[in-house]
Structures are given as structure tokens and as C-alpha cells.
Amino acid sequence: MDTNEKEVKEKKEEKKVKAYPEEKEKKPDVVEEPAAAYGYEYYNDIGRYSYADYLTWIDDKVREIINGIVKLMSTPLRIHAKISSRIVYELETHIRRNRGKCEVYDAPFDVRLPKNGEVADDKIYTVVQPDICVVCDLSKLDERGCLGAPELVVEIQSPSTATYDLTDKFFAYESAGVREYWVVFPKKKAITIFRLQENGKFDKGTPYEYDATVTSQVLEGLEIKLEDIFRNL
């Protein structure tokens, strides 16, 4: 083996991690970044992972799958958790006051995003855990979470997800038909809302600053003062 072949082999080995003992080296549990954007065919040297694979992983690690590529999630910071709880409170209060039928869920909560009507576990290649999601079509809910696109999704940015939320997840939610995608920026104390257009694409996004009031096309009449979300943070 010459020097070049040896270097190529070593680089390939660096990208692999140990499989679960019970899998006997069939598949590693996590594939290294970067993940491909949803909607593009991407295969590594092992193959894409499905929701069926996801169900076999029995450790306590939190993962998402975007188009068959696994993303290992980190534990959220305290401020992240505080912002999430405040947004959930505002959403649930609005729905309850208006006797709405939509339901609010926060992570951990599995959302499966099938393509081309393929709903079998081994045919679903995107499974995410939004920080918050609002489901109005309750027929999408089952004992394992949500099968199909929620009407509204909220992701709260952290250092480890800043790019991921605006690329991989952005395209996943857009392709699946999420009507509103809220991206929260804790450091800026701001929220940008992307709304799905008739062409199936998100618009360029509407930014809301600290002194603004957020409104929603999904939840009619909703008004959230960002001051209430970010105060004392």
C-alpha cells in the first residue's frame, strides 16, 4: 500500500464511530456532519438511516435525522429552556382562551416528515424534534408523536444549532409544508418568522425585535410581546 492509499484509508476510518454492541458493526450510531439539505439525494458509504433505525437506538442520546443523515443534539442551555417555556405558555394560553383545537408540544417530541406519501417506518428518512410545534390537524398525532408537518414550528438557536436551524431544518420544514417557521435568536432577543407561500417556499422572513409584538397567520388573533419572552434574560 503506497502513502496516498494509506492516508485515504486513515481519513475514512476517522469518520467512523463504534456501532452499538448489539449491531455487531453493521452500522455506526451517528454519521459525521455535514448533513445534506432535505430534498437532495445523499448517501454515505454506509447508507441512509430511517425512522425504523431510529427506533432501535436504545441509549439516552438525543438525535434527529434529516434525509437519512443523523445529527446528535446537545442539551439546551438554561436560557433556551426559559424562552421555550414562555413561548409555550403564550401559545397554550391563546389556544385555550379561543377554545382552539390546536395542540402545543415541546421537545422531546418526535415529528416524522415523510416524502411522497411513504409513511412506513423504514421509508421515513426525516425525524426531527422541534423545540416547540403546534399541530392543528390532530389526525397527524399518534402515540409516537406527529406524522406529517405541524402547522407551526419554533426553533430556539444555540451555538451548536445556529447554522443547522437555517439550512437543513429550514429546507426540511419548507419541503414538508410547515406553514410558519419561527427562529428565535436569544442573544439578539429577536424572532424571525418564515411563512410558507403558495409556491411551497418560505418567504424571506419577517424579523421582530425586542419591542415588537409577534402575530401569526396560523393562530388567528395571537399577539406575543417579545418583551414578555426575553425579559430579565
Protein backbone atom coordinates (compact mmCIF):
# COMPACT_ATOMS: atom_id res chain seq x y z
CA MET A 1 0.00 0.00 0.00
CA ASP A 2 1.52 3.35 -1.03
CA THR A 3 1.45 6.51 1.09
CA ASN A 4 -1.56 8.10 -0.67
CA GLU A 5 -3.70 4.97 -0.30
CA LYS A 6 -2.77 4.75 3.38
CA GLU A 7 -3.78 8.40 4.01
CA VAL A 8 -7.15 7.90 2.27
CA LYS A 9 -7.83 4.79 4.34
CA GLU A 10 -6.94 6.59 7.59
CA LYS A 11 -9.26 9.52 6.78
CA LYS A 12 -12.14 7.15 6.12
CA GLU A 13 -11.55 5.40 9.42
CA GLU A 14 -11.59 8.73 11.29
CA LYS A 15 -15.15 9.38 10.10
CA LYS A 16 -16.50 6.16 11.58
CA VAL A 17 -17.66 5.62 15.13
CA LYS A 18 -18.30 2.44 17.04
CA ALA A 19 -21.59 0.66 16.43
CA TYR A 20 -23.86 -0.48 19.21
CA PRO A 21 -22.67 -3.81 20.61
CA GLU A 22 -25.89 -5.48 19.56
CA GLU A 23 -25.49 -4.29 15.95
CA LYS A 24 -22.14 -6.08 15.62
CA GLU A 25 -20.55 -3.40 13.47
CA LYS A 26 -23.40 -3.33 10.95
CA LYS A 27 -23.96 0.42 11.31
CA PRO A 28 -22.48 3.22 13.40
CA ASP A 29 -24.95 5.10 15.56
CA VAL A 30 -24.01 8.57 14.31
CA VAL A 31 -22.77 9.81 10.97
CA GLU A 32 -20.43 12.77 10.94
CA GLU A 33 -21.60 16.15 9.64
CA PRO A 34 -22.31 17.79 7.32
CA ALA A 35 -25.85 16.61 6.66
CA ALA A 36 -27.36 17.20 3.25
CA ALA A 37 -30.27 19.56 2.71
CA TYR A 38 -33.65 17.89 2.75
CA GLY A 39 -34.82 17.05 -0.75
CA TYR A 40 -31.39 16.15 -2.09
CA GLU A 41 -30.27 12.56 -2.50
CA TYR A 42 -27.32 12.00 -0.20
CA TYR A 43 -25.72 8.68 0.66
CA ASN A 44 -22.62 7.99 2.67
CA ASP A 45 -20.59 4.81 2.46
CA ILE A 46 -22.94 3.12 4.92
CA GLY A 47 -26.36 4.17 3.64
CA ARG A 48 -29.20 6.37 4.84
CA TYR A 49 -30.88 5.88 8.19
CA SER A 50 -34.64 5.64 8.53
CA TYR A 51 -37.16 6.02 11.34
CA ALA A 52 -37.05 2.23 11.68
CA ASP A 53 -33.33 2.50 12.54
CA TYR A 54 -34.08 5.39 14.89
CA LEU A 55 -36.44 3.19 16.90
CA THR A 56 -33.68 0.63 17.54
CA TRP A 57 -31.30 3.10 19.22
CA ILE A 58 -31.77 2.47 22.92
CA ASP A 59 -29.23 4.77 24.58
CA ASP A 60 -30.13 8.16 26.07
CA LYS A 61 -28.65 10.31 23.31
CA VAL A 62 -30.96 12.72 21.50
CA ARG A 63 -30.78 12.56 17.72
CA GLU A 64 -32.54 13.86 14.64
CA ILE A 65 -32.41 12.52 11.10
CA ILE A 66 -32.50 14.81 8.06
CA ASN A 67 -32.78 12.95 4.76
CA GLY A 68 -31.18 9.88 6.29
CA ILE A 69 -28.25 11.67 7.94
CA VAL A 70 -28.04 11.64 11.74
CA LYS A 71 -27.49 14.76 13.85
CA LEU A 72 -26.56 14.35 17.51
CA MET A 73 -28.30 17.01 19.62
CA SER A 74 -26.81 18.72 22.67
CA THR A 75 -28.52 19.58 25.97
CA PRO A 76 -30.11 23.05 25.76
CA LEU A 77 -28.87 25.92 27.92
CA ARG A 78 -30.94 27.33 30.80
CA ILE A 79 -31.92 30.46 28.84
CA HIS A 80 -33.03 28.25 25.97
CA ALA A 81 -35.33 26.34 28.33
CA LYS A 82 -36.71 29.54 29.84
CA ILE A 83 -37.54 31.04 26.44
CA SER A 84 -39.18 27.79 25.37
CA SER A 85 -41.41 27.64 28.45
CA ARG A 86 -42.52 31.25 27.97
CA ILE A 87 -43.43 30.75 24.31
CA VAL A 88 -45.30 27.53 25.12
CA TYR A 89 -47.25 29.41 27.82
CA GLU A 90 -48.24 32.17 25.38
CA LEU A 91 -49.30 29.71 22.67
CA GLU A 92 -51.30 27.48 25.00
CA THR A 93 -52.97 30.44 26.71
CA HIS A 94 -54.10 31.84 23.36
CA ILE A 95 -55.45 28.49 22.15
CA ARG A 96 -57.29 27.85 25.43
CA ARG A 97 -58.85 31.32 25.54
CA ASN A 98 -60.12 30.94 22.00
CA ARG A 99 -61.23 27.35 22.51
CA GLY A 100 -58.99 26.27 19.68
CA LYS A 101 -58.37 22.65 18.75
CA CYS A 102 -54.64 23.03 18.05
CA GLU A 103 -52.20 21.37 20.45
CA VAL A 104 -48.75 22.57 21.54
CA TYR A 105 -45.79 20.23 22.10
CA ASP A 106 -42.22 20.91 23.17
CA ALA A 107 -39.10 18.77 22.92
CA PRO A 108 -38.54 15.91 23.24
CA PHE A 109 -41.31 15.17 20.74
CA ASP A 110 -40.76 13.21 17.53
CA VAL A 111 -42.03 14.72 14.28
CA ARG A 112 -41.77 12.40 11.28
CA LEU A 113 -41.72 14.12 7.90
CA PRO A 114 -42.45 11.58 5.16
CA LYS A 115 -41.92 12.19 1.45
CA ASN A 116 -44.11 11.11 -1.46
CA GLY A 117 -46.70 9.62 0.85
CA GLU A 118 -44.30 6.95 2.17
CA VAL A 119 -45.34 6.52 5.80
CA ALA A 120 -43.79 3.13 6.63
CA ASP A 121 -41.13 3.39 9.35
CA ASP A 122 -38.37 2.18 7.02
CA LYS A 123 -39.38 4.70 4.34
CA ILE A 124 -39.26 7.81 6.52
CA TYR A 125 -35.83 9.46 6.40
CA THR A 126 -36.51 12.68 8.31
CA VAL A 127 -37.33 12.70 12.03
CA VAL A 128 -36.91 15.92 13.98
CA GLN A 129 -37.56 17.19 17.49
CA PRO A 130 -38.62 20.82 17.22
CA ASP A 131 -38.16 22.94 20.31
CA ILE A 132 -41.87 23.74 20.01
CA CYS A 133 -44.52 22.78 17.50
CA VAL A 134 -48.23 23.48 17.06
CA VAL A 135 -50.37 20.77 15.49
CA CYS A 136 -53.86 21.75 14.31
CA ASP A 137 -54.65 18.68 12.19
CA LEU A 138 -55.00 16.28 15.10
CA SER A 139 -55.25 13.28 12.78
CA LYS A 140 -51.45 13.58 12.42
CA LEU A 141 -50.94 12.73 16.09
CA ASP A 142 -50.31 9.20 17.32
CA GLU A 143 -48.72 7.59 20.36
CA ARG A 144 -45.23 8.16 18.91
CA GLY A 145 -45.59 11.84 18.13
CA CYS A 146 -46.61 13.59 14.92
CA LEU A 147 -46.67 12.04 11.45
CA GLY A 148 -46.63 14.91 8.99
CA ALA A 149 -45.91 18.62 9.15
CA PRO A 150 -47.06 20.66 12.14
CA GLU A 151 -48.71 23.93 11.22
CA LEU A 152 -46.19 25.95 13.22
CA VAL A 153 -42.65 25.15 14.36
CA VAL A 154 -40.35 27.10 16.69
CA GLU A 155 -36.60 26.55 16.92
CA ILE A 156 -34.52 28.40 19.51
CA GLN A 157 -30.97 28.94 18.34
CA SER A 158 -27.95 27.82 20.32
CA PRO A 159 -24.26 27.88 19.32
CA SER A 160 -24.46 24.26 18.16
CA THR A 161 -27.60 24.71 16.03
CA ALA A 162 -27.21 28.20 14.57
CA THR A 163 -26.41 27.03 11.04
CA TYR A 164 -28.41 23.80 11.24
CA ASP A 165 -31.70 25.61 12.02
CA LEU A 166 -31.35 27.90 9.00
CA THR A 167 -30.19 25.30 6.47
CA ASP A 168 -31.05 21.62 6.98
CA LYS A 169 -34.07 22.19 9.18
CA PHE A 170 -35.23 25.17 7.14
CA PHE A 171 -35.39 23.05 3.98
CA ALA A 172 -36.92 20.10 5.84
CA TYR A 173 -39.77 22.20 7.20
CA GLU A 174 -40.26 24.03 3.92
CA SER A 175 -40.40 20.81 1.90
CA ALA A 176 -42.78 19.19 4.37
CA GLY A 177 -45.22 22.10 4.22
CA VAL A 178 -44.86 23.72 7.65
CA ARG A 179 -46.95 26.90 7.38
CA GLU A 180 -44.90 29.02 9.81
CA TYR A 181 -41.32 28.58 10.96
CA TRP A 182 -40.19 30.73 13.89
CA VAL A 183 -36.45 31.05 14.54
CA VAL A 184 -35.63 32.56 17.92
CA PHE A 185 -32.33 34.43 18.48
CA PRO A 186 -31.72 34.59 22.26
CA LYS A 187 -28.64 36.86 22.10
CA LYS A 188 -30.37 39.37 19.82
CA LYS A 189 -33.67 38.99 21.73
CA ALA A 190 -35.45 38.69 18.42
CA ILE A 191 -37.54 36.29 16.35
CA THR A 192 -37.73 35.85 12.59
CA ILE A 193 -40.85 34.23 11.17
CA PHE A 194 -40.81 32.47 7.80
CA ARG A 195 -44.23 31.91 6.24
CA LEU A 196 -44.99 29.37 3.54
CA GLN A 197 -46.11 30.84 0.23
CA GLU A 198 -48.42 29.44 -2.45
CA ASN A 199 -45.38 28.21 -4.39
CA GLY A 200 -44.43 25.93 -1.49
CA LYS A 201 -41.45 28.06 -0.47
CA PHE A 202 -40.85 30.12 2.65
CA ASP A 203 -40.77 33.87 2.22
CA LYS A 204 -37.65 35.87 3.05
CA GLY A 205 -38.69 36.09 6.70
CA THR A 206 -40.15 38.84 8.88
CA PRO A 207 -37.88 39.95 11.76
CA TYR A 208 -39.34 41.01 15.11
CA GLU A 209 -37.16 42.93 17.55
CA TYR A 210 -37.35 43.19 21.34
CA ASP A 211 -40.03 45.91 21.42
CA ALA A 212 -42.20 44.26 18.75
CA THR A 213 -45.36 42.15 19.02
CA VAL A 214 -45.42 38.84 17.17
CA THR A 215 -48.53 37.83 15.24
CA SER A 216 -49.37 34.58 13.47
CA GLN A 217 -51.30 33.53 10.40
CA VAL A 218 -51.72 30.03 11.84
CA LEU A 219 -53.16 31.14 15.18
CA GLU A 220 -55.51 33.98 14.32
CA GLY A 221 -55.50 36.82 16.81
CA LEU A 222 -52.29 35.70 18.52
CA GLU A 223 -50.18 38.55 19.88
CA ILE A 224 -46.97 37.93 21.82
CA LYS A 225 -44.91 40.81 23.14
CA LEU A 226 -41.27 39.88 22.79
CA GLU A 227 -40.55 41.86 25.92
CA ASP A 228 -42.51 39.18 27.81
CA ILE A 229 -40.41 36.44 26.21
CA PHE A 230 -36.96 37.95 26.74
CA ARG A 231 -37.34 39.97 29.96
CA ASN A 232 -34.56 39.52 32.52
CA LEU A 233 -32.57 37.22 30.24
